[in-house]
Amino acid sequence: MTRRPVETAPELRPCDLALTPIEVARGLSHLPGLVFLDSSAADSEPYRADARFSLVAAAPSEFVEGNLFSAADRDHLRHSLAKAAGRPESELDRGFPAGGAIGWVEYEGRFRFGLYHDVLIFDHRQERWHESGALRHRWREPRLASDWDKVPRSFASRLDQEAFCEIVQRAQAYIAAGDIYQVNLSRRLTTDWPFPGDSRETIAALELYDRLRDASPAPYAAYLDLADQRQVLSSSPELFLEMSGNAIRTRPIKGTRPRFRDSSQDEKSAYDLLTSPKEIAELIMITDLERNDLGQICEYGSVQATDLLKLERYAQVFHLVSTVEGQLRSEVDHLEALAACFPGGSITGAPKRRSREIIAELEPEPRGLYTGAIGILGFNG
């Protein structure tokens, strides 16, 4: 893909567009590199401040790959971002992102970002679109995929239930021995995708994502197709890191209970979560871990747990959430902060380093994008 020279960072301007964010994403699905950072929980009750904006972008000028834990690769991404923004690296952390590097970091540190200058941003509070570039003029009436009867209903794993219980027992032995306090174990489920290499692949993946966002809306949902032969569908309630200027915050989640249609049953489930010694202890451990992570990169005394053990309601579940905030030291930019804190404590365990070693020992295959991070490094912060 050829690079497009950019002399100045893009600026947002209001635009008239009588379409929903998912409709915009569908109509741009013919373009390469479609990304949709989707605050699909924006219409939930009560209003969620963390679900205010949704972003759609496509046709990046280039893709940048590397490993977050490599200083040379971080420098390459930082240089690419500054060059695309048309401003010095020291001036990247300013204002609302009117474009930037959008993509992911896998659990093991591999990253892939597209550099996007043309974006459409929907403000759910004001119900208004803003744009940089001219993406809306490339919108087309979307086609719909057929053959939904082909979509698989069964999944397989290299770990059956007995094998998974065995690695849980081994993790419990590490806890009993004092190696760790907690660890987040996972197992991969796979299925056959009915449209491999098919022209309907992107359309079908977007339709599947639309079903996911309807069933389980989340403030940090996302659909990404970064031209690497996979589409990523995510419905995440958790904010790993948010940074603007030298302000940084994280909102770890621990503790889950199901939602119920019956209001009395629903409230009983919420009360059970709020009063669970196990869930409370887990979140306090991870909150302390995140305070320590931020403490390594923030001004002394600036790190605070501003919200502790807050109950949050989602479409399918209740969660317990804490908020930890701080002020980055002047020599720490956003990429260095991301590398220092990655991956999040809620999906590893405590202590983080030993938990990651145990995860690598017990889980039979790399996690890849699962429990990594999706997001944007804005041209201006």
Protein backbone atom coordinates (compact mmCIF):
# COMPACT_ATOMS: atom_id res chain seq x y z
CA MET A 1 0.00 0.00 0.00
CA THR A 2 1.42 3.41 -0.94
CA ARG A 3 1.92 6.04 1.70
CA ARG A 4 0.05 9.30 1.49
CA PRO A 5 2.00 12.37 2.66
CA VAL A 6 0.26 14.38 5.35
CA GLU A 7 1.45 17.87 6.22
CA THR A 8 -0.83 18.54 9.17
CA ALA A 9 -2.87 16.42 11.55
CA PRO A 10 -6.52 16.02 10.49
CA GLU A 11 -9.21 18.08 12.18
CA LEU A 12 -12.76 17.07 13.08
CA ARG A 13 -15.74 18.92 11.67
CA PRO A 14 -19.50 18.28 12.02
CA CYS A 15 -21.23 16.46 9.18
CA ASP A 16 -24.81 15.55 8.31
CA LEU A 17 -25.21 11.80 8.17
CA ALA A 18 -28.57 10.17 8.88
CA LEU A 19 -27.16 6.71 9.62
CA THR A 20 -26.40 4.68 12.72
CA PRO A 21 -22.78 3.66 13.43
CA ILE A 22 -23.38 0.03 12.39
CA GLU A 23 -25.01 1.23 9.15
CA VAL A 24 -21.98 3.38 8.41
CA ALA A 25 -19.65 0.45 9.09
CA ARG A 26 -21.66 -1.80 6.77
CA GLY A 27 -21.60 0.80 3.98
CA LEU A 28 -17.82 1.14 4.20
CA SER A 29 -17.10 -2.59 4.37
CA HIS A 30 -15.99 -2.62 0.71
CA LEU A 31 -12.94 -0.54 1.70
CA PRO A 32 -9.74 -2.13 3.02
CA GLY A 33 -8.83 -1.95 6.69
CA LEU A 34 -12.31 -1.32 8.12
CA VAL A 35 -12.31 -0.59 11.87
CA PHE A 36 -15.31 0.12 14.09
CA LEU A 37 -14.67 1.17 17.70
CA ASP A 38 -18.20 0.76 18.92
CA SER A 39 -19.79 2.12 22.08
CA SER A 40 -22.70 -0.26 21.62
CA ALA A 41 -23.79 0.23 25.24
CA ALA A 42 -24.51 3.92 24.62
CA ASP A 43 -28.28 3.44 24.68
CA SER A 44 -28.29 1.49 27.94
CA GLU A 45 -29.93 2.71 31.12
CA PRO A 46 -28.61 4.49 33.06
CA TYR A 47 -26.59 6.57 30.59
CA ARG A 48 -22.97 5.43 30.42
CA ALA A 49 -20.41 8.22 30.16
CA ASP A 50 -17.81 5.70 28.94
CA ALA A 51 -19.99 4.87 25.93
CA ARG A 52 -20.26 8.34 24.45
CA PHE A 53 -18.32 7.98 21.18
CA SER A 54 -18.18 5.44 18.36
CA LEU A 55 -15.58 5.61 15.57
CA VAL A 56 -15.56 4.18 12.04
CA ALA A 57 -12.50 4.34 9.79
CA ALA A 58 -11.17 2.62 6.68
CA ALA A 59 -8.47 2.78 3.99
CA PRO A 60 -5.41 3.39 6.20
CA SER A 61 -2.32 4.93 4.62
CA GLU A 62 -0.17 2.07 5.94
CA PHE A 63 0.05 -0.71 8.52
CA VAL A 64 2.70 -0.86 11.23
CA GLU A 65 3.66 -4.11 12.97
CA GLY A 66 6.04 -5.03 15.77
CA ASN A 67 6.28 -6.12 19.38
CA LEU A 68 5.28 -3.79 22.19
CA PHE A 69 8.08 -5.12 24.39
CA SER A 70 10.74 -4.14 21.81
CA ALA A 71 12.08 -0.61 22.29
CA ALA A 72 13.05 -0.50 18.60
CA ASP A 73 9.53 -1.48 17.51
CA ARG A 74 7.99 1.12 19.82
CA ASP A 75 10.30 3.73 18.32
CA HIS A 76 9.21 2.67 14.83
CA LEU A 77 5.53 2.99 15.73
CA ARG A 78 6.14 6.32 17.47
CA HIS A 79 8.01 7.67 14.43
CA SER A 80 5.33 6.41 12.02
CA LEU A 81 2.59 8.02 14.11
CA ALA A 82 4.41 11.36 14.32
CA LYS A 83 5.19 11.34 10.59
CA ALA A 84 1.59 10.58 9.67
CA ALA A 85 0.37 13.31 12.02
CA GLY A 86 2.78 15.83 10.51
CA ARG A 87 3.95 17.02 13.91
CA PRO A 88 6.84 16.34 16.31
CA GLU A 89 6.62 13.25 18.51
CA SER A 90 6.57 15.53 21.57
CA GLU A 91 3.27 17.08 20.41
CA LEU A 92 1.24 13.91 19.87
CA ASP A 93 -0.51 13.87 23.25
CA ARG A 94 -3.03 16.66 22.67
CA GLY A 95 -6.81 16.85 22.32
CA PHE A 96 -9.44 14.55 20.79
CA PRO A 97 -8.15 11.95 18.30
CA ALA A 98 -9.11 13.02 14.77
CA GLY A 99 -7.47 9.92 13.36
CA GLY A 100 -4.48 7.93 14.48
CA ALA A 101 -3.07 4.43 14.81
CA ILE A 102 -5.97 2.02 15.32
CA GLY A 103 -5.44 -1.66 15.94
CA TRP A 104 -4.48 -4.21 18.53
CA VAL A 105 -1.77 -5.59 20.78
CA GLU A 106 -1.83 -9.34 21.29
CA TYR A 107 -1.39 -10.83 24.77
CA GLU A 108 2.20 -11.81 23.94
CA GLY A 109 2.98 -8.25 22.75
CA ARG A 110 2.70 -8.45 18.95
CA PHE A 111 0.93 -5.36 17.60
CA ARG A 112 -0.66 -4.34 14.31
CA PHE A 113 -1.94 -0.81 13.73
CA GLY A 114 -3.32 0.97 10.69
CA LEU A 115 -2.68 4.70 10.29
CA TYR A 116 -6.05 6.34 9.64
CA HIS A 117 -6.57 9.94 8.53
CA ASP A 118 -10.20 9.62 7.40
CA VAL A 119 -12.50 8.84 10.32
CA LEU A 120 -16.16 9.26 11.20
CA ILE A 121 -16.99 9.77 14.88
CA PHE A 122 -20.50 9.58 16.32
CA ASP A 123 -21.29 11.45 19.55
CA HIS A 124 -24.05 9.39 21.16
CA ARG A 125 -24.91 12.14 23.65
CA GLN A 126 -25.41 14.81 20.98
CA GLU A 127 -26.54 12.28 18.34
CA ARG A 128 -24.25 13.94 15.85
CA TRP A 129 -21.52 12.84 13.45
CA HIS A 130 -18.09 14.45 13.05
CA GLU A 131 -15.54 13.64 10.36
CA SER A 132 -12.01 14.14 9.18
CA GLY A 133 -11.51 13.33 5.52
CA ALA A 134 -14.32 12.31 3.18
CA LEU A 135 -15.24 8.75 4.10
CA ARG A 136 -18.97 9.42 4.02
CA HIS A 137 -18.74 10.05 0.27
CA ARG A 138 -17.41 6.50 -0.20
CA TRP A 139 -20.40 4.91 1.55
CA ARG A 140 -22.30 2.31 -0.49
CA GLU A 141 -25.58 0.53 0.07
CA PRO A 142 -24.38 -2.66 1.79
CA ARG A 143 -25.11 -6.17 0.60
CA LEU A 144 -26.30 -8.76 3.09
CA ALA A 145 -24.78 -12.18 3.50
CA SER A 146 -26.95 -15.22 2.99
CA ASP A 147 -26.58 -18.82 4.12
CA TRP A 148 -26.80 -18.01 7.83
CA ASP A 149 -27.81 -21.61 8.32
CA LYS A 150 -24.14 -22.36 7.64
CA VAL A 151 -22.96 -20.50 10.72
CA PRO A 152 -21.60 -23.16 13.11
CA ARG A 153 -23.27 -23.82 16.43
CA SER A 154 -20.61 -26.05 18.00
CA PHE A 155 -17.08 -25.35 19.20
CA ALA A 156 -14.06 -27.48 20.06
CA SER A 157 -11.05 -27.06 22.33
CA ARG A 158 -7.68 -28.73 22.73
CA LEU A 159 -8.57 -28.87 26.43
CA ASP A 160 -11.63 -30.93 27.32
CA GLN A 161 -13.35 -30.30 30.64
CA GLU A 162 -11.25 -32.88 32.48
CA ALA A 163 -7.98 -31.47 31.14
CA PHE A 164 -9.02 -27.91 31.97
CA CYS A 165 -9.94 -28.91 35.53
CA GLU A 166 -6.50 -30.47 35.82
CA ILE A 167 -4.69 -27.22 34.97
CA VAL A 168 -6.97 -25.37 37.40
CA GLN A 169 -5.86 -27.79 40.12
CA ARG A 170 -2.22 -27.19 39.22
CA ALA A 171 -2.82 -23.44 39.46
CA GLN A 172 -4.45 -23.93 42.86
CA ALA A 173 -1.32 -25.80 43.96
CA TYR A 174 0.77 -22.76 42.99
CA ILE A 175 -1.55 -20.57 45.06
CA ALA A 176 -1.27 -22.93 48.05
CA ALA A 177 2.53 -22.88 47.70
CA GLY A 178 2.54 -19.08 47.84
CA ASP A 179 3.73 -18.46 44.27
CA ILE A 180 0.67 -16.36 43.40
CA TYR A 181 -2.52 -15.01 44.95
CA GLN A 182 -4.70 -15.48 41.88
CA VAL A 183 -4.41 -16.35 38.19
CA ASN A 184 -6.77 -15.97 35.25
CA LEU A 185 -6.77 -19.19 33.20
CA SER A 186 -8.45 -19.60 29.83
CA ARG A 187 -9.01 -22.15 27.10
CA ARG A 188 -9.47 -21.50 23.39
CA LEU A 189 -12.64 -22.57 21.59
CA THR A 190 -12.53 -22.93 17.80
CA THR A 191 -15.01 -23.60 15.03
CA ASP A 192 -15.04 -23.66 11.24
CA TRP A 193 -15.96 -20.37 9.52
CA PRO A 194 -18.26 -21.05 6.56
CA PHE A 195 -16.96 -18.24 4.33
CA PRO A 196 -13.14 -18.66 4.13
CA GLY A 197 -11.78 -16.50 1.32
CA ASP A 198 -15.32 -15.84 0.12
CA SER A 199 -16.35 -12.42 -1.19
CA ARG A 200 -19.07 -12.46 1.46
CA GLU A 201 -16.56 -12.93 4.28
CA THR A 202 -16.44 -9.33 5.53
CA ILE A 203 -20.19 -8.87 5.14
CA ALA A 204 -20.91 -12.09 7.04
CA ALA A 205 -18.43 -11.18 9.78
CA LEU A 206 -20.08 -7.77 10.20
CA GLU A 207 -23.51 -9.38 10.42
CA LEU A 208 -22.21 -11.76 13.06
CA TYR A 209 -20.74 -8.78 14.92
CA ASP A 210 -24.10 -6.98 14.70
CA ARG A 211 -25.72 -9.97 16.41
CA LEU A 212 -23.03 -9.92 19.09
CA ARG A 213 -23.52 -6.21 19.85
CA ASP A 214 -27.30 -6.68 20.04
CA ALA A 215 -26.99 -9.62 22.44
CA SER A 216 -24.20 -8.17 24.57
CA PRO A 217 -23.72 -4.40 24.10
CA ALA A 218 -20.54 -3.05 25.69
CA PRO A 219 -18.82 0.34 25.98
CA TYR A 220 -15.60 -0.95 24.39
CA ALA A 221 -16.94 -3.20 21.64
CA ALA A 222 -15.06 -3.37 18.34
CA TYR A 223 -14.89 -4.84 14.86
CA LEU A 224 -11.54 -4.77 13.04
CA ASP A 225 -10.35 -6.07 9.68
CA LEU A 226 -6.69 -5.08 9.39
CA ALA A 227 -6.03 -6.97 6.15
CA ASP A 228 -4.20 -9.87 7.81
CA GLN A 229 -6.70 -12.60 6.86
CA ARG A 230 -8.79 -12.34 10.01
CA GLN A 231 -11.70 -10.29 11.29
CA VAL A 232 -11.84 -9.45 14.98
CA LEU A 233 -15.17 -9.23 16.82
CA SER A 234 -15.07 -8.02 20.42
CA SER A 235 -17.62 -7.06 23.06
CA SER A 236 -15.58 -5.84 26.01
CA PRO A 237 -16.83 -3.94 29.07
CA GLU A 238 -13.33 -3.20 30.37
CA LEU A 239 -11.13 -0.13 29.93
CA PHE A 240 -7.49 -1.17 30.06
CA LEU A 241 -5.86 2.26 29.68
CA GLU A 242 -7.08 5.74 28.82
CA MET A 243 -4.51 8.51 28.44
CA SER A 244 -4.81 12.18 27.56
CA GLY A 245 -1.82 14.45 28.02
CA ASN A 246 -0.21 13.18 31.23
CA ALA A 247 -3.47 11.88 32.74
CA ILE A 248 -3.84 8.10 32.82
CA ARG A 249 -6.52 5.80 34.20
CA THR A 250 -7.43 2.14 34.22
CA ARG A 251 -10.65 0.38 35.26
CA PRO A 252 -9.99 -3.27 36.17
CA ILE A 253 -12.92 -5.68 36.43
CA LYS A 254 -13.18 -8.67 38.75
CA GLY A 255 -16.31 -10.42 39.89
CA THR A 256 -19.27 -11.47 37.75
CA ARG A 257 -22.86 -12.50 38.36
CA PRO A 258 -25.65 -13.20 35.81
CA ARG A 259 -28.56 -10.85 35.05
CA PHE A 260 -32.19 -12.03 35.29
CA ARG A 261 -35.45 -10.85 33.74
CA ASP A 262 -37.16 -11.09 37.11
CA SER A 263 -36.26 -7.91 39.04
CA SER A 264 -36.12 -9.54 42.47
CA GLN A 265 -33.86 -12.30 41.18
CA ASP A 266 -31.74 -9.68 39.41
CA GLU A 267 -31.26 -7.63 42.58
CA LYS A 268 -30.46 -10.77 44.56
CA SER A 269 -27.72 -11.58 42.05
CA ALA A 270 -26.30 -8.05 42.37
CA TYR A 271 -26.36 -8.26 46.18
CA ASP A 272 -24.61 -11.63 46.06
CA LEU A 273 -21.79 -10.07 44.02
CA LEU A 274 -21.47 -7.01 46.25
CA THR A 275 -21.20 -9.14 49.39
CA SER A 276 -18.98 -11.94 48.04
CA PRO A 277 -15.71 -12.07 50.05
CA LYS A 278 -14.00 -13.94 47.19
CA GLU A 279 -14.95 -11.44 44.48
CA ILE A 280 -14.13 -8.45 46.68
CA ALA A 281 -10.72 -9.90 47.57
CA GLU A 282 -9.92 -10.60 43.91
CA LEU A 283 -10.73 -7.06 42.80
CA ILE A 284 -8.80 -5.49 45.69
CA MET A 285 -5.73 -7.56 44.72
CA ILE A 286 -5.95 -6.47 41.09
CA THR A 287 -6.63 -2.84 42.06
CA ASP A 288 -3.44 -2.88 44.13
CA LEU A 289 -1.58 -4.44 41.20
CA GLU A 290 -2.77 -1.68 38.87
CA ARG A 291 -1.83 0.98 41.43
CA ASN A 292 1.65 -0.53 41.48
CA ASP A 293 1.85 -0.60 37.66
CA LEU A 294 0.83 3.05 37.42
CA GLY A 295 3.14 3.91 40.30
CA GLN A 296 6.14 2.86 38.20
CA ILE A 297 5.39 5.47 35.53
CA CYS A 298 3.48 8.23 37.35
CA GLU A 299 4.46 11.20 39.46
CA TYR A 300 5.03 10.26 43.09
CA GLY A 301 1.83 10.58 45.09
CA SER A 302 -0.43 11.07 42.07
CA VAL A 303 -1.80 7.50 41.83
CA GLN A 304 -5.19 7.07 43.49
CA ALA A 305 -7.99 4.52 43.51
CA THR A 306 -10.80 7.00 42.87
CA ASP A 307 -13.59 4.42 42.68
CA LEU A 308 -13.43 1.08 44.49
CA LEU A 309 -15.72 -1.95 44.20
CA LYS A 310 -18.36 -0.24 42.08
CA LEU A 311 -21.24 -2.39 40.83
CA GLU A 312 -21.85 -1.98 37.09
CA ARG A 313 -24.79 -3.41 35.14
CA TYR A 314 -24.42 -4.84 31.65
CA ALA A 315 -26.90 -6.59 29.38
CA GLN A 316 -25.96 -10.10 30.47
CA VAL A 317 -23.99 -9.72 33.72
CA PHE A 318 -23.09 -7.61 36.74
CA HIS A 319 -19.42 -6.71 37.28
CA LEU A 320 -17.40 -5.18 40.10
CA VAL A 321 -15.10 -2.40 38.84
CA SER A 322 -12.44 -0.14 40.33
CA THR A 323 -10.89 3.02 38.87
CA VAL A 324 -7.21 3.88 39.32
CA GLU A 325 -5.84 7.22 38.09
CA GLY A 326 -2.49 8.99 38.02
CA GLN A 327 -0.32 11.63 36.33
CA LEU A 328 2.42 10.33 34.04
CA ARG A 329 5.96 11.51 34.63
CA SER A 330 7.13 13.99 32.00
CA GLU A 331 9.60 11.54 30.42
CA VAL A 332 6.96 8.78 29.98
CA ASP A 333 4.91 9.01 26.78
CA HIS A 334 1.80 6.99 25.98
CA LEU A 335 3.61 4.15 24.22
CA GLU A 336 6.02 3.69 27.13
CA ALA A 337 3.08 3.71 29.55
CA LEU A 338 1.26 1.10 27.48
CA ALA A 339 4.32 -1.16 27.42
CA ALA A 340 4.89 -0.76 31.17
CA CYS A 341 1.32 -1.74 32.09
CA PHE A 342 0.66 -4.41 29.45
CA PRO A 343 -1.05 -6.85 29.71
CA GLY A 344 -3.75 -5.90 32.19
CA GLY A 345 -3.77 -7.40 35.67
CA SER A 346 -7.38 -8.56 35.53
CA ILE A 347 -6.59 -11.08 32.78
CA THR A 348 -3.27 -12.30 34.22
CA GLY A 349 -3.26 -12.42 38.01
CA ALA A 350 -1.21 -11.31 40.98
CA PRO A 351 1.73 -10.99 41.11
CA LYS A 352 1.59 -10.34 37.37
CA ARG A 353 5.00 -11.65 36.32
CA ARG A 354 4.67 -15.01 38.09
CA SER A 355 1.05 -15.35 36.97
CA ARG A 356 2.13 -14.89 33.34
CA GLU A 357 4.81 -17.55 33.76
CA ILE A 358 2.22 -19.98 35.11
CA ILE A 359 -0.22 -19.15 32.31
CA ALA A 360 2.51 -19.87 29.75
CA GLU A 361 3.24 -23.18 31.47
CA LEU A 362 -0.35 -24.38 31.87
CA GLU A 363 -2.19 -23.14 28.78
CA PRO A 364 -1.37 -25.31 25.73
CA GLU A 365 -1.14 -22.52 23.13
CA PRO A 366 -0.45 -18.77 22.92
CA ARG A 367 -3.45 -16.53 23.58
CA GLY A 368 -2.81 -14.24 20.63
CA LEU A 369 -5.32 -11.42 20.47
CA TYR A 370 -7.48 -12.88 23.25
CA THR A 371 -6.93 -10.82 26.45
CA GLY A 372 -4.75 -8.40 24.51
CA ALA A 373 -5.97 -4.86 23.84
CA ILE A 374 -7.79 -2.99 21.07
CA GLY A 375 -7.71 0.77 20.73
CA ILE A 376 -6.44 3.99 19.18
CA LEU A 377 -3.26 5.99 19.58
CA GLY A 378 -4.52 9.35 18.42
CA PHE A 379 -2.55 11.73 16.22
CA ASN A 380 -3.28 14.29 18.92
CA GLY A 381 -3.68 12.16 22.02
